[in-house]
Amino acid sequence: MAKPFERHRQPWTQEEIQKLHLLVTKGMSLKAIAKALTRSEESTKNRAKQEKLKIQKMR
C-alpha cells in the first residue's frame, strides 16, 4: 500500500508566499488561508508573521 502524501516541513515557494499576501489582503481568515495553501494553520500564521502580515481575526 502506498504511503499517503504528507506535507511536512516543506519549504515555502515564492508562488505560495505571493498567494499568502493576496489572501491576507482579501481579508480571509487564518483557517481559510491555510486550507487554500494546503498548509497547517500554525505554519501559515508563522509565515505571515515572518512576512509582517496581519491576518484578520474572524468574529
PDB file of N, CA and C in Angstrom:
ATOM      1  N   MET A   1       0.840  -1.195   0.000  1.00  0.00           N
ATOM      2  CA  MET A   1       0.000   0.000   0.000  1.00  0.00           C
ATOM      3  C   MET A   1       0.880   1.252   0.000  1.00  0.00           C
ATOM      4  N   ALA A   2       0.539   2.182  -0.853  1.00  0.00           N
ATOM      5  CA  ALA A   2       1.327   3.418  -0.988  1.00  0.00           C
ATOM      6  C   ALA A   2       1.145   4.302   0.243  1.00  0.00           C
ATOM      7  N   LYS A   3       2.223   4.937   0.618  1.00  0.00           N
ATOM      8  CA  LYS A   3       2.199   5.853   1.756  1.00  0.00           C
ATOM      9  C   LYS A   3       1.501   7.147   1.340  1.00  0.00           C
ATOM     10  N   PRO A   4       0.536   7.657   2.133  1.00  0.00           N
ATOM     11  CA  PRO A   4      -0.146   8.900   1.746  1.00  0.00           C
ATOM     12  C   PRO A   4       0.826  10.076   1.740  1.00  0.00           C
ATOM     13  N   PHE A   5       0.609  10.983   0.799  1.00  0.00           N
ATOM     14  CA  PHE A   5       1.461  12.162   0.676  1.00  0.00           C
ATOM     15  C   PHE A   5       1.297  13.060   1.892  1.00  0.00           C
ATOM     16  N   GLU A   6       2.403  13.429   2.486  1.00  0.00           N
ATOM     17  CA  GLU A   6       2.377  14.299   3.665  1.00  0.00           C
ATOM     18  C   GLU A   6       3.178  15.548   3.378  1.00  0.00           C
ATOM     19  N   ARG A   7       2.590  16.691   3.673  1.00  0.00           N
ATOM     20  CA  ARG A   7       3.328  17.950   3.546  1.00  0.00           C
ATOM     21  C   ARG A   7       3.860  18.284   4.912  1.00  0.00           C
ATOM     22  N   HIS A   8       5.060  17.859   5.176  1.00  0.00           N
ATOM     23  CA  HIS A   8       5.625  18.109   6.487  1.00  0.00           C
ATOM     24  C   HIS A   8       6.940  18.858   6.342  1.00  0.00           C
ATOM     25  N   ARG A   9       6.960  20.061   6.881  1.00  0.00           N
ATOM     26  CA  ARG A   9       8.158  20.908   6.847  1.00  0.00           C
ATOM     27  C   ARG A   9       8.679  21.167   5.440  1.00  0.00           C
ATOM     28  N   GLN A  10       7.762  21.412   4.519  1.00  0.00           N
ATOM     29  CA  GLN A  10       8.143  21.738   3.155  1.00  0.00           C
ATOM     30  C   GLN A  10       8.522  23.214   3.083  1.00  0.00           C
ATOM     31  N   PRO A  11       9.577  23.557   2.349  1.00  0.00           N
ATOM     32  CA  PRO A  11       9.915  24.983   2.224  1.00  0.00           C
ATOM     33  C   PRO A  11       8.833  25.725   1.447  1.00  0.00           C
ATOM     34  N   TRP A  12       8.653  27.000   1.771  1.00  0.00           N
ATOM     35  CA  TRP A  12       7.649  27.829   1.104  1.00  0.00           C
ATOM     36  C   TRP A  12       8.191  28.254  -0.254  1.00  0.00           C
ATOM     37  N   THR A  13       7.351  28.143  -1.273  1.00  0.00           N
ATOM     38  CA  THR A  13       7.744  28.599  -2.605  1.00  0.00           C
ATOM     39  C   THR A  13       7.351  30.069  -2.743  1.00  0.00           C
ATOM     40  N   GLN A  14       7.956  30.737  -3.713  1.00  0.00           N
ATOM     41  CA  GLN A  14       7.649  32.152  -3.957  1.00  0.00           C
ATOM     42  C   GLN A  14       6.180  32.298  -4.346  1.00  0.00           C
ATOM     43  N   GLU A  15       5.665  31.326  -5.078  1.00  0.00           N
ATOM     44  CA  GLU A  15       4.263  31.335  -5.506  1.00  0.00           C
ATOM     45  C   GLU A  15       3.322  31.284  -4.292  1.00  0.00           C
ATOM     46  N   GLU A  16       3.645  30.432  -3.324  1.00  0.00           N
ATOM     47  CA  GLU A  16       2.820  30.317  -2.111  1.00  0.00           C
ATOM     48  C   GLU A  16       2.857  31.604  -1.298  1.00  0.00           C
ATOM     49  N   ILE A  17       4.008  32.232  -1.242  1.00  0.00           N
ATOM     50  CA  ILE A  17       4.154  33.479  -0.487  1.00  0.00           C
ATOM     51  C   ILE A  17       3.310  34.578  -1.135  1.00  0.00           C
ATOM     52  N   GLN A  18       3.321  34.637  -2.466  1.00  0.00           N
ATOM     53  CA  GLN A  18       2.505  35.630  -3.182  1.00  0.00           C
ATOM     54  C   GLN A  18       1.022  35.379  -2.930  1.00  0.00           C
ATOM     55  N   LYS A  19       0.624  34.108  -2.940  1.00  0.00           N
ATOM     56  CA  LYS A  19      -0.771  33.754  -2.696  1.00  0.00           C
ATOM     57  C   LYS A  19      -1.166  34.115  -1.265  1.00  0.00           C
ATOM     58  N   LEU A  20      -0.243  33.917  -0.315  1.00  0.00           N
ATOM     59  CA  LEU A  20      -0.482  34.281   1.082  1.00  0.00           C
ATOM     60  C   LEU A  20      -0.757  35.780   1.182  1.00  0.00           C
ATOM     61  N   HIS A  21       0.073  36.589   0.534  1.00  0.00           N
ATOM     62  CA  HIS A  21      -0.109  38.050   0.534  1.00  0.00           C
ATOM     63  C   HIS A  21      -1.480  38.420  -0.034  1.00  0.00           C
ATOM     64  N   LEU A  22      -1.845  37.790  -1.150  1.00  0.00           N
ATOM     65  CA  LEU A  22      -3.113  38.077  -1.813  1.00  0.00           C
ATOM     66  C   LEU A  22      -4.296  37.737  -0.905  1.00  0.00           C
ATOM     67  N   LEU A  23      -4.264  36.551  -0.290  1.00  0.00           N
ATOM     68  CA  LEU A  23      -5.377  36.114   0.552  1.00  0.00           C
ATOM     69  C   LEU A  23      -5.508  36.961   1.818  1.00  0.00           C
ATOM     70  N   VAL A  24      -4.385  37.390   2.374  1.00  0.00           N
ATOM     71  CA  VAL A  24      -4.421  38.247   3.568  1.00  0.00           C
ATOM     72  C   VAL A  24      -5.023  39.603   3.212  1.00  0.00           C
ATOM     73  N   THR A  25      -4.641  40.157   2.048  1.00  0.00           N
ATOM     74  CA  THR A  25      -5.188  41.458   1.656  1.00  0.00           C
ATOM     75  C   THR A  25      -6.678  41.371   1.347  1.00  0.00           C
ATOM     76  N   LYS A  26      -7.158  40.189   0.977  1.00  0.00           N
ATOM     77  CA  LYS A  26      -8.592  39.989   0.738  1.00  0.00           C
ATOM     78  C   LYS A  26      -9.367  39.896   2.053  1.00  0.00           C
ATOM     79  N   GLY A  27      -8.642  39.743   3.167  1.00  0.00           N
ATOM     80  CA  GLY A  27      -9.281  39.697   4.475  1.00  0.00           C
ATOM     81  C   GLY A  27      -9.797  38.322   4.875  1.00  0.00           C
ATOM     82  N   MET A  28      -9.207  37.273   4.314  1.00  0.00           N
ATOM     83  CA  MET A  28      -9.642  35.913   4.642  1.00  0.00           C
ATOM     84  C   MET A  28      -9.150  35.498   6.028  1.00  0.00           C
ATOM     85  N   SER A  29      -9.833  34.514   6.605  1.00  0.00           N
ATOM     86  CA  SER A  29      -9.463  34.021   7.934  1.00  0.00           C
ATOM     87  C   SER A  29      -8.245  33.107   7.843  1.00  0.00           C
ATOM     88  N   LEU A  30      -7.597  32.893   8.963  1.00  0.00           N
ATOM     89  CA  LEU A  30      -6.425  32.022   9.032  1.00  0.00           C
ATOM     90  C   LEU A  30      -6.765  30.611   8.547  1.00  0.00           C
ATOM     91  N   LYS A  31      -7.900  30.097   8.987  1.00  0.00           N
ATOM     92  CA  LYS A  31      -8.325  28.746   8.624  1.00  0.00           C
ATOM     93  C   LYS A  31      -8.507  28.622   7.105  1.00  0.00           C
ATOM     94  N   ALA A  32      -9.155  29.610   6.500  1.00  0.00           N
ATOM     95  CA  ALA A  32      -9.405  29.605   5.055  1.00  0.00           C
ATOM     96  C   ALA A  32      -8.103  29.728   4.264  1.00  0.00           C
ATOM     97  N   ILE A  33      -7.195  30.572   4.734  1.00  0.00           N
ATOM     98  CA  ILE A  33      -5.911  30.760   4.058  1.00  0.00           C
ATOM     99  C   ILE A  33      -5.096  29.470   4.128  1.00  0.00           C
ATOM    100  N   ALA A  34      -5.044  28.871   5.298  1.00  0.00           N
ATOM    101  CA  ALA A  34      -4.290  27.625   5.490  1.00  0.00           C
ATOM    102  C   ALA A  34      -4.827  26.526   4.574  1.00  0.00           C
ATOM    103  N   LYS A  35      -6.141  26.436   4.472  1.00  0.00           N
ATOM    104  CA  LYS A  35      -6.759  25.419   3.620  1.00  0.00           C
ATOM    105  C   LYS A  35      -6.440  25.679   2.143  1.00  0.00           C
ATOM    106  N   ALA A  36      -6.496  26.936   1.726  1.00  0.00           N
ATOM    107  CA  ALA A  36      -6.216  27.298   0.335  1.00  0.00           C
ATOM    108  C   ALA A  36      -4.760  26.997  -0.035  1.00  0.00           C
ATOM    109  N   LEU A  37      -3.862  27.118   0.936  1.00  0.00           N
ATOM    110  CA  LEU A  37      -2.438  26.876   0.685  1.00  0.00           C
ATOM    111  C   LEU A  37      -2.027  25.429   0.982  1.00  0.00           C
ATOM    112  N   THR A  38      -2.965  24.637   1.466  1.00  0.00           N
ATOM    113  CA  THR A  38      -2.704  23.263   1.948  1.00  0.00           C
ATOM    114  C   THR A  38      -1.524  23.238   2.918  1.00  0.00           C
ATOM    115  N   ARG A  39      -1.601  24.138   3.873  1.00  0.00           N
ATOM    116  CA  ARG A  39      -0.614  24.251   4.949  1.00  0.00           C
ATOM    117  C   ARG A  39      -1.364  24.217   6.270  1.00  0.00           C
ATOM    118  N   SER A  40      -0.638  23.947   7.355  1.00  0.00           N
ATOM    119  CA  SER A  40      -1.284  23.974   8.666  1.00  0.00           C
ATOM    120  C   SER A  40      -1.521  25.429   9.066  1.00  0.00           C
ATOM    121  N   GLU A  41      -2.455  25.634   9.993  1.00  0.00           N
ATOM    122  CA  GLU A  41      -2.734  26.990  10.467  1.00  0.00           C
ATOM    123  C   GLU A  41      -1.498  27.566  11.149  1.00  0.00           C
ATOM    124  N   GLU A  42      -0.800  26.721  11.899  1.00  0.00           N
ATOM    125  CA  GLU A  42       0.395  27.159  12.626  1.00  0.00           C
ATOM    126  C   GLU A  42       1.476  27.626  11.642  1.00  0.00           C
ATOM    127  N   SER A  43       1.703  26.842  10.614  1.00  0.00           N
ATOM    128  CA  SER A  43       2.702  27.170   9.597  1.00  0.00           C
ATOM    129  C   SER A  43       2.342  28.474   8.882  1.00  0.00           C
ATOM    130  N   THR A  44       1.065  28.610   8.549  1.00  0.00           N
ATOM    131  CA  THR A  44       0.576  29.803   7.855  1.00  0.00           C
ATOM    132  C   THR A  44       0.739  31.041   8.735  1.00  0.00           C
ATOM    133  N   LYS A  45       0.374  30.892  10.004  1.00  0.00           N
ATOM    134  CA  LYS A  45       0.484  32.014  10.950  1.00  0.00           C
ATOM    135  C   LYS A  45       1.945  32.440  11.110  1.00  0.00           C
ATOM    136  N   ASN A  46       2.842  31.466  11.225  1.00  0.00           N
ATOM    137  CA  ASN A  46       4.266  31.771  11.380  1.00  0.00           C
ATOM    138  C   ASN A  46       4.833  32.472  10.150  1.00  0.00           C
ATOM    139  N   ARG A  47       4.430  32.006   8.976  1.00  0.00           N
ATOM    140  CA  ARG A  47       4.938  32.615   7.740  1.00  0.00           C
ATOM    141  C   ARG A  47       4.400  34.037   7.579  1.00  0.00           C
ATOM    142  N   ALA A  48       3.137  34.239   7.934  1.00  0.00           N
ATOM    143  CA  ALA A  48       2.547  35.576   7.857  1.00  0.00           C
ATOM    144  C   ALA A  48       3.296  36.530   8.784  1.00  0.00           C
ATOM    145  N   LYS A  49       3.664  36.033   9.944  1.00  0.00           N
ATOM    146  CA  LYS A  49       4.416  36.845  10.913  1.00  0.00           C
ATOM    147  C   LYS A  49       5.786  37.213  10.332  1.00  0.00           C
ATOM    148  N   GLN A  50       6.442  36.242   9.688  1.00  0.00           N
ATOM    149  CA  GLN A  50       7.739  36.486   9.040  1.00  0.00           C
ATOM    150  C   GLN A  50       7.626  37.546   7.956  1.00  0.00           C
ATOM    151  N   GLU A  51       6.517  37.503   7.229  1.00  0.00           N
ATOM    152  CA  GLU A  51       6.290  38.444   6.129  1.00  0.00           C
ATOM    153  C   GLU A  51       5.688  39.764   6.621  1.00  0.00           C
ATOM    154  N   LYS A  52       5.508  39.896   7.927  1.00  0.00           N
ATOM    155  CA  LYS A  52       4.924  41.092   8.563  1.00  0.00           C
ATOM    156  C   LYS A  52       3.509  41.378   8.059  1.00  0.00           C
ATOM    157  N   LEU A  53       2.718  40.292   7.947  1.00  0.00           N
ATOM    158  CA  LEU A  53       1.319  40.408   7.515  1.00  0.00           C
ATOM    159  C   LEU A  53       0.424  40.222   8.729  1.00  0.00           C
ATOM    160  N   LYS A  54      -0.707  40.915   8.724  1.00  0.00           N
ATOM    161  CA  LYS A  54      -1.661  40.816   9.823  1.00  0.00           C
ATOM    162  C   LYS A  54      -2.905  40.088   9.310  1.00  0.00           C
ATOM    163  N   ILE A  55      -3.155  38.878   9.813  1.00  0.00           N
ATOM    164  CA  ILE A  55      -4.328  38.096   9.425  1.00  0.00           C
ATOM    165  C   ILE A  55      -5.506  38.521  10.288  1.00  0.00           C
ATOM    166  N   GLN A  56      -6.623  38.793   9.625  1.00  0.00           N
ATOM    167  CA  GLN A  56      -7.841  39.226  10.328  1.00  0.00           C
ATOM    168  C   GLN A  56      -8.389  38.118  11.216  1.00  0.00           C
ATOM    169  N   LYS A  57      -8.837  38.483  12.387  1.00  0.00           N
ATOM    170  CA  LYS A  57      -9.494  37.518  13.273  1.00  0.00           C
ATOM    171  C   LYS A  57     -10.992  37.510  12.930  1.00  0.00           C
ATOM    172  N   MET A  58     -11.533  36.345  12.683  1.00  0.00           N
ATOM    173  CA  MET A  58     -12.942  36.241  12.358  1.00  0.00           C
ATOM    174  C   MET A  58     -13.761  36.250  13.649  1.00  0.00           C
ATOM    175  N   ARG A  59     -14.806  37.051  13.666  1.00  0.00           N
ATOM    176  CA  ARG A  59     -15.625  37.159  14.880  1.00  0.00           C
ATOM    177  C   ARG A  59     -17.025  36.706  14.606  1.00  0.00           C
TER     178      ARG A  59
END
